[in-house]
Amino acid sequence: MTDLELAAVQAYVRLTKGVRAALDDTAHPDGAPRLLHEPLAETDHALAAAGLVGNERRLFQLVAELAVEQGVRQGA
């Protein structure tokens, strides 16, 4: 995994965690789009820099590799 790929995968993982947190926040359900603007922009930029835009198969392969490296249980 290249440094750019790693940065893209890490941005994607942060985005998914942010989405989950924003959507789980029942106290501020309308705030989710505002809360996600910055992580979405960061992820878009990182994916483009790594050449992963439109290559979901490679992205998810890299996400799985990172999860294995970090000892994260798949499907959680």
N, C-alpha and C. Protein backbone atom coordinates (compact mmCIF):
# COMPACT_ATOMS: atom_id res chain seq x y z
N MET A 1 0.85 -1.17 0.00
CA MET A 1 0.00 0.00 0.00
C MET A 1 0.90 1.23 0.00
N THR A 2 0.66 2.12 -0.94
CA THR A 2 1.46 3.34 -1.01
C THR A 2 1.03 4.31 0.09
N ASP A 3 1.84 5.34 0.31
CA ASP A 3 1.49 6.35 1.30
C ASP A 3 0.19 7.06 0.92
N LEU A 4 0.01 7.36 -0.37
CA LEU A 4 -1.22 8.02 -0.82
C LEU A 4 -2.43 7.11 -0.63
N GLU A 5 -2.27 5.82 -0.92
CA GLU A 5 -3.37 4.88 -0.71
C GLU A 5 -3.72 4.79 0.77
N LEU A 6 -2.68 4.72 1.61
CA LEU A 6 -2.91 4.65 3.06
C LEU A 6 -3.66 5.89 3.54
N ALA A 7 -3.25 7.06 3.08
CA ALA A 7 -3.93 8.29 3.48
C ALA A 7 -5.39 8.28 3.03
N ALA A 8 -5.65 7.78 1.82
CA ALA A 8 -7.02 7.70 1.32
C ALA A 8 -7.85 6.73 2.13
N VAL A 9 -7.29 5.59 2.45
CA VAL A 9 -8.02 4.58 3.23
C VAL A 9 -8.30 5.12 4.63
N GLN A 10 -7.32 5.76 5.23
CA GLN A 10 -7.53 6.31 6.57
C GLN A 10 -8.61 7.40 6.55
N ALA A 11 -8.61 8.23 5.52
CA ALA A 11 -9.64 9.26 5.39
C ALA A 11 -11.02 8.62 5.24
N TYR A 12 -11.09 7.57 4.44
CA TYR A 12 -12.36 6.86 4.24
C TYR A 12 -12.86 6.27 5.56
N VAL A 13 -11.97 5.66 6.30
CA VAL A 13 -12.35 5.05 7.59
C VAL A 13 -12.83 6.14 8.55
N ARG A 14 -12.13 7.27 8.60
CA ARG A 14 -12.58 8.38 9.46
C ARG A 14 -13.96 8.87 9.02
N LEU A 15 -14.16 8.95 7.71
CA LEU A 15 -15.46 9.39 7.19
C LEU A 15 -16.57 8.44 7.62
N THR A 16 -16.34 7.15 7.48
CA THR A 16 -17.40 6.20 7.86
C THR A 16 -17.70 6.28 9.34
N LYS A 17 -16.68 6.48 10.16
CA LYS A 17 -16.92 6.64 11.60
C LYS A 17 -17.69 7.92 11.88
N GLY A 18 -17.35 8.98 11.16
CA GLY A 18 -18.05 10.25 11.33
C GLY A 18 -19.50 10.16 10.90
N VAL A 19 -19.75 9.48 9.81
CA VAL A 19 -21.12 9.29 9.33
C VAL A 19 -21.93 8.52 10.37
N ARG A 20 -21.34 7.45 10.86
CA ARG A 20 -22.04 6.65 11.87
C ARG A 20 -22.36 7.49 13.10
N ALA A 21 -21.40 8.27 13.57
CA ALA A 21 -21.61 9.10 14.75
C ALA A 21 -22.66 10.18 14.49
N ALA A 22 -22.58 10.82 13.32
CA ALA A 22 -23.55 11.87 12.99
C ALA A 22 -24.95 11.32 12.87
N LEU A 23 -25.09 10.17 12.26
CA LEU A 23 -26.42 9.59 12.09
C LEU A 23 -26.98 9.01 13.38
N ASP A 24 -26.09 8.62 14.29
CA ASP A 24 -26.53 8.11 15.59
C ASP A 24 -26.90 9.23 16.56
N ASP A 25 -26.54 10.47 16.23
CA ASP A 25 -26.79 11.61 17.11
C ASP A 25 -28.24 12.05 16.97
N THR A 26 -29.12 11.46 17.74
CA THR A 26 -30.54 11.78 17.65
C THR A 26 -30.86 13.17 18.21
N ALA A 27 -29.94 13.73 18.98
CA ALA A 27 -30.18 15.06 19.54
C ALA A 27 -30.07 16.14 18.46
N HIS A 28 -29.30 15.88 17.40
CA HIS A 28 -29.09 16.85 16.33
C HIS A 28 -29.20 16.17 14.96
N PRO A 29 -30.33 15.57 14.62
CA PRO A 29 -30.42 14.83 13.36
C PRO A 29 -30.23 15.69 12.13
N ASP A 30 -30.59 16.97 12.19
CA ASP A 30 -30.44 17.85 11.03
C ASP A 30 -29.02 18.38 10.89
N GLY A 31 -28.17 18.15 11.87
CA GLY A 31 -26.80 18.65 11.82
C GLY A 31 -25.84 17.75 11.07
N ALA A 32 -26.27 16.55 10.71
CA ALA A 32 -25.38 15.59 10.07
C ALA A 32 -24.73 16.13 8.79
N PRO A 33 -25.47 16.73 7.87
CA PRO A 33 -24.81 17.22 6.65
C PRO A 33 -23.71 18.24 6.92
N ARG A 34 -23.93 19.16 7.85
CA ARG A 34 -22.90 20.15 8.18
C ARG A 34 -21.69 19.48 8.82
N LEU A 35 -21.93 18.50 9.69
CA LEU A 35 -20.84 17.82 10.36
C LEU A 35 -19.98 16.99 9.41
N LEU A 36 -20.56 16.58 8.30
CA LEU A 36 -19.86 15.69 7.38
C LEU A 36 -19.16 16.41 6.23
N HIS A 37 -19.36 17.72 6.11
CA HIS A 37 -18.77 18.45 4.99
C HIS A 37 -17.25 18.31 4.94
N GLU A 38 -16.58 18.56 6.04
CA GLU A 38 -15.11 18.50 6.06
C GLU A 38 -14.58 17.09 5.83
N PRO A 39 -15.10 16.05 6.52
CA PRO A 39 -14.59 14.70 6.25
C PRO A 39 -14.85 14.24 4.81
N LEU A 40 -15.97 14.65 4.23
CA LEU A 40 -16.25 14.29 2.83
C LEU A 40 -15.24 14.94 1.90
N ALA A 41 -14.93 16.20 2.13
CA ALA A 41 -13.96 16.91 1.29
C ALA A 41 -12.57 16.29 1.43
N GLU A 42 -12.18 15.96 2.65
CA GLU A 42 -10.88 15.33 2.89
C GLU A 42 -10.79 13.99 2.17
N THR A 43 -11.84 13.20 2.27
CA THR A 43 -11.85 11.88 1.64
C THR A 43 -11.83 12.00 0.12
N ASP A 44 -12.61 12.91 -0.44
CA ASP A 44 -12.61 13.12 -1.89
C ASP A 44 -11.21 13.47 -2.38
N HIS A 45 -10.56 14.38 -1.67
CA HIS A 45 -9.21 14.80 -2.06
C HIS A 45 -8.22 13.63 -1.97
N ALA A 46 -8.28 12.89 -0.88
CA ALA A 46 -7.34 11.78 -0.68
C ALA A 46 -7.56 10.67 -1.70
N LEU A 47 -8.82 10.37 -2.01
CA LEU A 47 -9.11 9.34 -3.01
C LEU A 47 -8.58 9.76 -4.38
N ALA A 48 -8.77 11.02 -4.73
CA ALA A 48 -8.28 11.52 -6.01
C ALA A 48 -6.75 11.47 -6.06
N ALA A 49 -6.10 11.89 -5.00
CA ALA A 49 -4.64 11.90 -4.96
C ALA A 49 -4.06 10.50 -5.09
N ALA A 50 -4.77 9.51 -4.57
CA ALA A 50 -4.29 8.13 -4.61
C ALA A 50 -4.74 7.40 -5.88
N GLY A 51 -5.50 8.07 -6.72
CA GLY A 51 -5.98 7.43 -7.95
C GLY A 51 -7.05 6.38 -7.70
N LEU A 52 -7.81 6.55 -6.64
CA LEU A 52 -8.81 5.56 -6.27
C LEU A 52 -10.24 5.98 -6.63
N VAL A 53 -10.41 7.14 -7.21
CA VAL A 53 -11.75 7.57 -7.61
C VAL A 53 -12.26 6.62 -8.69
N GLY A 54 -13.42 6.04 -8.45
CA GLY A 54 -14.00 5.11 -9.41
C GLY A 54 -13.43 3.71 -9.33
N ASN A 55 -12.56 3.46 -8.37
CA ASN A 55 -11.95 2.14 -8.23
C ASN A 55 -12.31 1.59 -6.84
N GLU A 56 -13.61 1.38 -6.64
CA GLU A 56 -14.09 0.94 -5.34
C GLU A 56 -13.53 -0.42 -4.95
N ARG A 57 -13.36 -1.30 -5.91
CA ARG A 57 -12.83 -2.63 -5.60
C ARG A 57 -11.46 -2.50 -4.91
N ARG A 58 -10.58 -1.67 -5.47
CA ARG A 58 -9.24 -1.49 -4.88
C ARG A 58 -9.35 -0.79 -3.53
N LEU A 59 -10.21 0.22 -3.44
CA LEU A 59 -10.38 0.92 -2.17
C LEU A 59 -10.80 -0.04 -1.07
N PHE A 60 -11.83 -0.85 -1.33
CA PHE A 60 -12.30 -1.76 -0.29
C PHE A 60 -11.30 -2.86 0.01
N GLN A 61 -10.50 -3.24 -0.97
CA GLN A 61 -9.42 -4.19 -0.72
C GLN A 61 -8.41 -3.57 0.25
N LEU A 62 -8.08 -2.30 0.02
CA LEU A 62 -7.13 -1.62 0.90
C LEU A 62 -7.72 -1.40 2.30
N VAL A 63 -9.00 -1.09 2.36
CA VAL A 63 -9.66 -0.93 3.67
C VAL A 63 -9.59 -2.24 4.44
N ALA A 64 -9.84 -3.35 3.76
CA ALA A 64 -9.78 -4.67 4.41
C ALA A 64 -8.36 -4.97 4.87
N GLU A 65 -7.37 -4.64 4.04
CA GLU A 65 -5.97 -4.86 4.43
C GLU A 65 -5.61 -4.06 5.67
N LEU A 66 -6.04 -2.80 5.71
CA LEU A 66 -5.75 -1.97 6.87
C LEU A 66 -6.43 -2.53 8.12
N ALA A 67 -7.65 -2.99 7.97
CA ALA A 67 -8.37 -3.57 9.11
C ALA A 67 -7.63 -4.79 9.65
N VAL A 68 -7.14 -5.63 8.75
CA VAL A 68 -6.40 -6.82 9.18
C VAL A 68 -5.11 -6.40 9.90
N GLU A 69 -4.41 -5.41 9.33
CA GLU A 69 -3.17 -4.93 9.96
C GLU A 69 -3.43 -4.38 11.35
N GLN A 70 -4.57 -3.75 11.52
CA GLN A 70 -4.90 -3.14 12.81
C GLN A 70 -5.64 -4.09 13.74
N GLY A 71 -5.92 -5.29 13.25
CA GLY A 71 -6.59 -6.27 14.09
C GLY A 71 -8.06 -5.98 14.28
N VAL A 72 -8.67 -5.28 13.33
CA VAL A 72 -10.09 -4.93 13.44
C VAL A 72 -10.91 -6.10 12.94
N ARG A 73 -11.94 -6.43 13.70
CA ARG A 73 -12.83 -7.53 13.32
C ARG A 73 -13.68 -7.09 12.15
N GLN A 74 -13.68 -7.88 11.08
CA GLN A 74 -14.46 -7.59 9.89
C GLN A 74 -15.95 -7.74 10.19
N GLY A 75 -16.75 -6.88 9.55
CA GLY A 75 -18.20 -6.97 9.68
C GLY A 75 -18.76 -6.37 10.95
N ALA A 76 -17.94 -5.68 11.70
CA ALA A 76 -18.43 -5.10 12.96
C ALA A 76 -19.08 -3.77 12.72
